[in-house]
Amino acid sequence: LISVKTSDKDTASAAGQKDDDSSKEEPWETALKTTVVDMEVGEFQGHRVSVWDLLHSKHIPEENRRELLELYQAGELTLEQVKTVVTTIVTKAEAAKAE
């Protein structure tokens, strides 16, 4: 049994409003920030980069980022799938830039 303590802030957050002074991350957000990949291209070469940082890099257009995040949050994409998509996009973008 899980007991839920409610307050005005919880209600506001539940309504989908961001609570600015809250430092709590959503579990999906934490997962994206703590999952790291070894990138072998461009500015990320030789670095371990979080999926979150790749997702918010200049290589991922805002529209794609939003779509990926929505699908991931909805459970339609796994963390592994998001990781694959963003690393592929960044790798292709860097390869195209190198040519």
N, C-alpha and C. Protein backbone atom coordinates (compact mmCIF):
# COMPACT_ATOMS: atom_id res chain seq x y z
N LEU A 1 0.85 -1.19 0.00
CA LEU A 1 0.00 0.00 0.00
C LEU A 1 0.89 1.25 0.00
N ILE A 2 0.57 2.18 -0.86
CA ILE A 2 1.34 3.42 -0.96
C ILE A 2 0.47 4.56 -0.46
N SER A 3 0.99 5.28 0.51
CA SER A 3 0.22 6.44 0.98
C SER A 3 0.74 7.67 0.26
N VAL A 4 -0.17 8.49 -0.17
CA VAL A 4 0.19 9.68 -0.92
C VAL A 4 -0.17 10.91 -0.11
N LYS A 5 0.83 11.72 0.17
CA LYS A 5 0.60 12.96 0.90
C LYS A 5 0.38 14.05 -0.13
N THR A 6 -0.72 14.72 -0.04
CA THR A 6 -1.00 15.76 -1.03
C THR A 6 -0.86 17.13 -0.40
N SER A 7 -0.48 18.07 -1.23
CA SER A 7 -0.41 19.46 -0.81
C SER A 7 -0.77 20.30 -2.02
N ASP A 8 -0.85 21.60 -1.85
CA ASP A 8 -1.17 22.46 -2.98
C ASP A 8 -0.13 22.32 -4.09
N LYS A 9 1.14 22.17 -3.70
CA LYS A 9 2.19 22.04 -4.70
C LYS A 9 2.01 20.76 -5.52
N ASP A 10 1.69 19.66 -4.82
CA ASP A 10 1.49 18.39 -5.52
C ASP A 10 0.35 18.53 -6.52
N THR A 11 -0.69 19.21 -6.11
CA THR A 11 -1.86 19.40 -6.98
C THR A 11 -1.45 20.21 -8.22
N ALA A 12 -0.67 21.24 -8.01
CA ALA A 12 -0.22 22.06 -9.13
C ALA A 12 0.65 21.24 -10.07
N SER A 13 1.54 20.43 -9.51
CA SER A 13 2.42 19.59 -10.33
C SER A 13 1.60 18.55 -11.08
N ALA A 14 0.63 17.97 -10.40
CA ALA A 14 -0.20 16.95 -11.02
C ALA A 14 -1.01 17.53 -12.17
N ALA A 15 -1.30 18.80 -12.10
CA ALA A 15 -2.06 19.45 -13.16
C ALA A 15 -1.17 19.73 -14.37
N GLY A 16 0.09 19.36 -14.28
CA GLY A 16 1.00 19.50 -15.40
C GLY A 16 1.78 20.79 -15.39
N GLN A 17 1.70 21.54 -14.31
CA GLN A 17 2.45 22.79 -14.23
C GLN A 17 3.81 22.48 -13.61
N LYS A 18 4.81 23.14 -14.13
CA LYS A 18 6.15 22.95 -13.57
C LYS A 18 6.28 23.74 -12.27
N ASP A 19 6.79 23.07 -11.27
CA ASP A 19 7.01 23.74 -10.00
C ASP A 19 8.46 24.21 -10.03
N ASP A 20 8.65 25.52 -10.24
CA ASP A 20 9.99 26.05 -10.45
C ASP A 20 10.96 25.80 -9.31
N ASP A 21 10.48 25.82 -8.07
CA ASP A 21 11.42 25.65 -6.96
C ASP A 21 11.59 24.18 -6.58
N SER A 22 11.05 23.30 -7.38
CA SER A 22 11.20 21.87 -7.11
C SER A 22 12.44 21.37 -7.82
N SER A 23 13.30 20.68 -7.09
CA SER A 23 14.52 20.16 -7.70
C SER A 23 14.35 18.68 -8.06
N LYS A 24 13.16 18.17 -7.85
CA LYS A 24 12.91 16.76 -8.16
C LYS A 24 12.78 16.55 -9.65
N GLU A 25 13.48 15.52 -10.14
CA GLU A 25 13.38 15.18 -11.55
C GLU A 25 12.40 14.04 -11.71
N GLU A 26 11.82 13.99 -12.87
CA GLU A 26 10.98 12.84 -13.21
C GLU A 26 11.91 11.65 -13.41
N PRO A 27 11.44 10.44 -13.09
CA PRO A 27 12.29 9.24 -13.27
C PRO A 27 12.80 9.09 -14.71
N TRP A 28 11.96 9.41 -15.68
CA TRP A 28 12.40 9.28 -17.08
C TRP A 28 13.52 10.27 -17.39
N GLU A 29 13.46 11.44 -16.77
CA GLU A 29 14.49 12.47 -16.99
C GLU A 29 15.82 12.02 -16.38
N THR A 30 15.73 11.49 -15.16
CA THR A 30 16.92 10.98 -14.48
C THR A 30 17.57 9.86 -15.31
N ALA A 31 16.74 8.98 -15.86
CA ALA A 31 17.26 7.87 -16.67
C ALA A 31 18.02 8.40 -17.88
N LEU A 32 17.48 9.42 -18.53
CA LEU A 32 18.16 9.98 -19.70
C LEU A 32 19.48 10.66 -19.32
N LYS A 33 19.50 11.27 -18.13
CA LYS A 33 20.70 11.99 -17.70
C LYS A 33 21.78 11.04 -17.18
N THR A 34 21.39 9.87 -16.69
CA THR A 34 22.38 8.95 -16.11
C THR A 34 22.82 7.86 -17.09
N THR A 35 22.15 7.76 -18.23
CA THR A 35 22.55 6.79 -19.25
C THR A 35 23.56 7.46 -20.16
N VAL A 36 24.77 6.92 -20.17
CA VAL A 36 25.82 7.55 -20.98
C VAL A 36 26.26 6.64 -22.11
N VAL A 37 26.70 7.26 -23.17
CA VAL A 37 27.20 6.53 -24.34
C VAL A 37 28.57 7.05 -24.69
N ASP A 38 29.37 6.18 -25.28
CA ASP A 38 30.69 6.58 -25.78
C ASP A 38 30.49 7.04 -27.22
N MET A 39 30.79 8.29 -27.47
CA MET A 39 30.63 8.81 -28.82
C MET A 39 32.01 8.90 -29.47
N GLU A 40 32.05 8.55 -30.74
CA GLU A 40 33.33 8.55 -31.45
C GLU A 40 33.34 9.54 -32.61
N VAL A 41 32.49 10.57 -32.50
CA VAL A 41 32.43 11.54 -33.60
C VAL A 41 32.44 12.97 -33.09
N GLY A 42 32.93 13.84 -33.94
CA GLY A 42 32.84 15.29 -33.72
C GLY A 42 33.23 15.77 -32.35
N GLU A 43 32.46 16.74 -31.87
CA GLU A 43 32.75 17.39 -30.60
C GLU A 43 32.69 16.43 -29.41
N PHE A 44 31.98 15.31 -29.59
CA PHE A 44 31.81 14.35 -28.49
C PHE A 44 32.87 13.25 -28.51
N GLN A 45 33.72 13.26 -29.50
CA GLN A 45 34.69 12.17 -29.68
C GLN A 45 35.51 11.93 -28.42
N GLY A 46 35.56 10.64 -28.05
CA GLY A 46 36.35 10.26 -26.89
C GLY A 46 35.70 10.58 -25.55
N HIS A 47 34.47 11.07 -25.58
CA HIS A 47 33.78 11.42 -24.34
C HIS A 47 32.60 10.49 -24.09
N ARG A 48 32.29 10.32 -22.81
CA ARG A 48 31.07 9.64 -22.44
C ARG A 48 30.03 10.74 -22.25
N VAL A 49 28.98 10.66 -23.03
CA VAL A 49 27.97 11.71 -23.05
C VAL A 49 26.62 11.13 -22.64
N SER A 50 25.88 11.87 -21.83
CA SER A 50 24.56 11.37 -21.43
C SER A 50 23.60 11.48 -22.61
N VAL A 51 22.62 10.58 -22.63
CA VAL A 51 21.59 10.61 -23.67
C VAL A 51 20.88 11.96 -23.62
N TRP A 52 20.69 12.49 -22.41
CA TRP A 52 20.04 13.79 -22.23
C TRP A 52 20.83 14.89 -22.96
N ASP A 53 22.17 14.90 -22.77
CA ASP A 53 23.00 15.92 -23.42
C ASP A 53 22.97 15.78 -24.94
N LEU A 54 22.98 14.55 -25.43
CA LEU A 54 22.91 14.33 -26.87
C LEU A 54 21.56 14.82 -27.40
N LEU A 55 20.52 14.50 -26.67
CA LEU A 55 19.16 14.89 -27.06
C LEU A 55 19.03 16.40 -27.14
N HIS A 56 19.76 17.11 -26.28
CA HIS A 56 19.70 18.57 -26.25
C HIS A 56 20.86 19.23 -26.99
N SER A 57 21.60 18.44 -27.76
CA SER A 57 22.70 19.02 -28.54
C SER A 57 22.14 19.70 -29.79
N LYS A 58 23.02 20.43 -30.45
CA LYS A 58 22.61 21.18 -31.66
C LYS A 58 22.22 20.25 -32.81
N HIS A 59 22.55 18.97 -32.69
CA HIS A 59 22.29 18.02 -33.77
C HIS A 59 20.84 17.54 -33.81
N ILE A 60 20.14 17.67 -32.69
CA ILE A 60 18.76 17.18 -32.62
C ILE A 60 17.82 18.38 -32.73
N PRO A 61 17.08 18.47 -33.84
CA PRO A 61 16.13 19.58 -33.99
C PRO A 61 15.07 19.55 -32.89
N GLU A 62 14.62 20.73 -32.49
CA GLU A 62 13.63 20.87 -31.42
C GLU A 62 12.42 19.96 -31.62
N GLU A 63 11.92 19.90 -32.85
CA GLU A 63 10.74 19.09 -33.15
C GLU A 63 11.01 17.61 -32.88
N ASN A 64 12.17 17.13 -33.32
CA ASN A 64 12.54 15.73 -33.09
C ASN A 64 12.69 15.45 -31.60
N ARG A 65 13.34 16.38 -30.90
CA ARG A 65 13.56 16.22 -29.46
C ARG A 65 12.22 16.06 -28.74
N ARG A 66 11.30 16.97 -29.06
CA ARG A 66 9.98 16.93 -28.43
C ARG A 66 9.27 15.60 -28.71
N GLU A 67 9.33 15.18 -29.96
CA GLU A 67 8.67 13.93 -30.36
C GLU A 67 9.28 12.73 -29.63
N LEU A 68 10.61 12.68 -29.57
CA LEU A 68 11.28 11.57 -28.88
C LEU A 68 10.92 11.55 -27.40
N LEU A 69 10.92 12.72 -26.77
CA LEU A 69 10.59 12.79 -25.35
C LEU A 69 9.14 12.37 -25.08
N GLU A 70 8.24 12.80 -25.96
CA GLU A 70 6.83 12.42 -25.80
C GLU A 70 6.66 10.91 -25.93
N LEU A 71 7.29 10.32 -26.94
CA LEU A 71 7.17 8.87 -27.15
C LEU A 71 7.80 8.10 -26.00
N TYR A 72 8.92 8.60 -25.51
CA TYR A 72 9.60 7.94 -24.39
C TYR A 72 8.74 8.02 -23.12
N GLN A 73 8.22 9.21 -22.83
CA GLN A 73 7.38 9.39 -21.64
C GLN A 73 6.12 8.55 -21.71
N ALA A 74 5.59 8.37 -22.92
CA ALA A 74 4.36 7.60 -23.11
C ALA A 74 4.63 6.10 -23.06
N GLY A 75 5.91 5.73 -23.01
CA GLY A 75 6.25 4.32 -22.95
C GLY A 75 6.27 3.64 -24.30
N GLU A 76 6.19 4.44 -25.37
CA GLU A 76 6.20 3.86 -26.71
C GLU A 76 7.62 3.60 -27.20
N LEU A 77 8.59 4.27 -26.60
CA LEU A 77 10.00 4.03 -26.90
C LEU A 77 10.70 3.65 -25.60
N THR A 78 11.61 2.69 -25.68
CA THR A 78 12.40 2.33 -24.50
C THR A 78 13.60 3.26 -24.43
N LEU A 79 14.26 3.28 -23.29
CA LEU A 79 15.47 4.08 -23.12
C LEU A 79 16.51 3.66 -24.16
N GLU A 80 16.61 2.37 -24.40
CA GLU A 80 17.57 1.84 -25.38
C GLU A 80 17.26 2.37 -26.78
N GLN A 81 15.98 2.44 -27.12
CA GLN A 81 15.58 2.95 -28.43
C GLN A 81 15.90 4.44 -28.57
N VAL A 82 15.63 5.20 -27.52
CA VAL A 82 15.94 6.64 -27.55
C VAL A 82 17.45 6.82 -27.72
N LYS A 83 18.22 6.03 -26.97
CA LYS A 83 19.68 6.10 -27.05
C LYS A 83 20.15 5.81 -28.48
N THR A 84 19.59 4.79 -29.09
CA THR A 84 19.97 4.42 -30.45
C THR A 84 19.63 5.53 -31.44
N VAL A 85 18.44 6.09 -31.31
CA VAL A 85 18.01 7.15 -32.23
C VAL A 85 18.92 8.38 -32.11
N VAL A 86 19.16 8.85 -30.89
CA VAL A 86 19.96 10.07 -30.75
C VAL A 86 21.41 9.86 -31.15
N THR A 87 21.98 8.70 -30.83
CA THR A 87 23.38 8.46 -31.24
C THR A 87 23.48 8.36 -32.76
N THR A 88 22.47 7.77 -33.39
CA THR A 88 22.46 7.66 -34.86
C THR A 88 22.35 9.04 -35.50
N ILE A 89 21.45 9.88 -34.99
CA ILE A 89 21.28 11.23 -35.54
C ILE A 89 22.57 12.03 -35.40
N VAL A 90 23.17 11.99 -34.21
CA VAL A 90 24.40 12.76 -33.97
C VAL A 90 25.53 12.23 -34.85
N THR A 91 25.66 10.91 -34.94
CA THR A 91 26.72 10.31 -35.76
C THR A 91 26.57 10.70 -37.22
N LYS A 92 25.34 10.62 -37.75
CA LYS A 92 25.10 10.99 -39.14
C LYS A 92 25.34 12.47 -39.38
N ALA A 93 24.92 13.31 -38.43
CA ALA A 93 25.12 14.76 -38.57
C ALA A 93 26.60 15.09 -38.61
N GLU A 94 27.37 14.45 -37.73
CA GLU A 94 28.81 14.71 -37.69
C GLU A 94 29.49 14.17 -38.95
N ALA A 95 29.05 13.03 -39.44
CA ALA A 95 29.64 12.45 -40.65
C ALA A 95 29.37 13.36 -41.85
N ALA A 96 28.15 13.88 -41.92
CA ALA A 96 27.79 14.78 -43.02
C ALA A 96 28.61 16.06 -42.97
N LYS A 97 28.85 16.55 -41.75
CA LYS A 97 29.62 17.77 -41.56
C LYS A 97 31.08 17.55 -41.97
N ALA A 98 31.57 16.33 -41.74
CA ALA A 98 32.98 16.01 -42.03
C ALA A 98 33.25 15.89 -43.53
N GLU A 99 32.22 15.58 -44.28
CA GLU A 99 32.41 15.40 -45.73
C GLU A 99 32.62 16.70 -46.48
